Amino acid sequence: MKATLIALTLGLLVSQAPAAPGGGGATPKKKAAPEKVFKKKDKDNDSLLSKNEFVQGAKDTAKSNSAFDKKDKNADGKLTLSEFKGEGKKKKGK
């Protein structure tokens, strides 16, 4: 369950790679709703994700840290649900 949650979260954070030639025929897994993932990661229930909450349990901490920094549009060190979902303005200069 924990591995599935991590995989789903990273799937939301990292852009998808192009499909392999030939289609592969594998049935894609249904992703969990971002709201549910956010709520589960928000351990202190403050409706914000700290960097620690965001990267906790990640297989690739460096990649998760980088993804957090890209999502943190206002650079306050916390993610709102909107930032987590990738909504809103992009950081200036990036």
Protein backbone atom coordinates (compact mmCIF):
# COMPACT_ATOMS: atom_id res chain seq x y z
CA MET A 1 0.00 0.00 0.00
CA LYS A 2 2.79 2.42 0.96
CA ALA A 3 4.73 1.57 -2.20
CA THR A 4 1.60 2.14 -4.28
CA LEU A 5 1.04 5.55 -2.69
CA ILE A 6 4.64 6.55 -3.34
CA ALA A 7 4.45 5.37 -6.94
CA LEU A 8 1.22 7.31 -7.50
CA THR A 9 2.65 10.44 -5.93
CA LEU A 10 5.81 10.29 -8.02
CA GLY A 11 3.65 9.67 -11.08
CA LEU A 12 1.94 12.98 -10.37
CA LEU A 13 5.25 14.74 -9.92
CA VAL A 14 7.27 13.51 -12.83
CA SER A 15 6.16 14.03 -16.40
CA GLN A 16 5.30 10.82 -18.13
CA ALA A 17 7.87 9.30 -20.43
CA PRO A 18 6.79 8.71 -24.02
CA ALA A 19 5.08 5.39 -24.65
CA ALA A 20 7.24 2.55 -25.87
CA PRO A 21 6.99 1.82 -29.58
CA GLY A 22 4.40 -0.82 -30.34
CA GLY A 23 2.04 0.19 -27.53
CA GLY A 24 3.05 -2.58 -25.12
CA GLY A 25 -0.57 -3.61 -24.54
CA ALA A 26 -0.36 -3.13 -20.75
CA THR A 27 -3.46 -1.76 -19.06
CA PRO A 28 -2.62 1.50 -17.28
CA LYS A 29 -3.28 1.58 -13.53
CA LYS A 30 -5.87 4.02 -12.27
CA LYS A 31 -4.23 6.86 -10.34
CA ALA A 32 -5.50 7.92 -6.93
CA ALA A 33 -7.17 11.32 -6.76
CA PRO A 34 -4.61 14.03 -5.91
CA GLU A 35 -6.83 15.21 -3.07
CA LYS A 36 -6.66 11.77 -1.41
CA VAL A 37 -2.88 11.52 -1.84
CA PHE A 38 -2.45 15.04 -0.44
CA LYS A 39 -4.62 14.32 2.59
CA LYS A 40 -2.79 11.07 3.34
CA LYS A 41 0.64 12.77 3.13
CA ASP A 42 -0.51 15.71 5.31
CA LYS A 43 0.44 14.06 8.62
CA ASP A 44 -0.16 17.14 10.80
CA ASN A 45 -3.51 17.98 9.11
CA ASP A 46 -2.64 21.63 8.51
CA SER A 47 -3.82 21.50 4.85
CA LEU A 48 -0.23 22.10 3.73
CA LEU A 49 2.56 19.72 2.81
CA SER A 50 6.01 20.40 4.19
CA LYS A 51 8.98 19.14 2.22
CA ASN A 52 9.44 16.38 4.81
CA GLU A 53 5.83 15.23 4.42
CA PHE A 54 6.13 15.36 0.64
CA VAL A 55 9.32 13.29 0.32
CA GLN A 56 8.63 10.85 3.17
CA GLY A 57 8.78 7.29 1.87
CA ALA A 58 10.07 8.25 -1.58
CA LYS A 59 12.48 5.85 -3.29
CA ASP A 60 14.41 8.71 -4.90
CA THR A 61 14.69 11.51 -2.35
CA ALA A 62 16.69 13.79 -4.66
CA LYS A 63 14.04 13.55 -7.36
CA SER A 64 11.27 14.17 -4.82
CA ASN A 65 13.09 17.21 -3.41
CA SER A 66 13.46 18.62 -6.91
CA ALA A 67 9.79 17.98 -7.67
CA PHE A 68 8.78 19.71 -4.43
CA ASP A 69 10.85 22.78 -5.32
CA LYS A 70 9.24 22.97 -8.77
CA LYS A 71 5.73 22.68 -7.32
CA ASP A 72 6.32 25.25 -4.55
CA LYS A 73 5.31 28.22 -6.71
CA ASN A 74 5.58 30.87 -3.99
CA ALA A 75 8.77 29.35 -2.49
CA ASP A 76 7.37 29.32 1.05
CA GLY A 77 8.54 25.78 1.78
CA LYS A 78 5.01 24.35 1.87
CA LEU A 79 2.63 23.05 -0.77
CA THR A 80 -1.03 23.93 -0.93
CA LEU A 81 -3.39 21.46 -2.58
CA SER A 82 -3.42 23.71 -5.64
CA GLU A 83 0.39 23.66 -5.88
CA PHE A 84 0.42 19.89 -5.29
CA LYS A 85 -2.02 19.40 -8.17
CA GLY A 86 0.13 21.62 -10.41
CA GLU A 87 -2.35 24.45 -10.70
CA GLY A 88 -1.51 28.14 -10.67
CA LYS A 89 1.27 30.35 -11.89
CA LYS A 90 4.74 29.08 -12.69
CA LYS A 91 7.79 30.40 -10.87
CA LYS A 92 9.35 33.40 -12.54
CA GLY A 93 12.53 32.66 -14.45
CA LYS A 94 11.81 28.94 -14.74
